[in-house]
Amino acid sequence: MSLPILCSRARYVSTAKEPTQGKPQMTHDVMISFAAEGGSVGPHTDSYDVFLIQGQGQRRWMYGDTPIENPTFEPGLELRILRSFEPTEDAVLRAGDMLYLPPGYAHHGVAVSPCLTYSVGFRAPNAGEAWSSFAEWAAQALPLPTASLLEDPPMSPAENPGDIPVR
């Protein structure tokens, strides 16, 4: 399946520039990486769901089968490369193959041959973002003009202030 076809079938996904209309949305990014034989970014994790779609060539993916807890990273690098990584799974992706990695799963891809790999990432909102989005939508959806203030309902004075009314 081509990347444009994949993206067209995922229309429910919004970009940060699109209005969410009060509904928490997943955001996405697409990256196409080229690597010569032996090329690699290094072992790392992502904070979002990643679909790795192999275009041309082959890439070997080593990855864990559970999320990594308390990762430590190599100091002094712009990328967050894991200081230690022990994969439990190993697969070579060929043109058309896809690998799904949930958030927090360590992975390391190494080009077996010159290759193109398409990385499609989706990040769901956290609970705070979802509630904030809903509150923003609710505030905009109220039928009252924005200048209206909340008011108490009409009330009349009690006939005997010492009585407790029975309902």
Foldseek 3Di string as FASTA:
>chain_A
DDPVVVVVVVVQADDPPDQPLLAFHKHKDKDKDWDAAFDWPAKDFAQWKKKKAWAAAKKKKFKAPDADPPFQADPPDPDRHTPDDDGPDIDMDHHGDMDIDGGRIIMIIGGNHTTMMMMMTIHTDDPVVSVVSNVVNVLVPDPDDNPDDDDDDDDDDDPDVVDDDDD
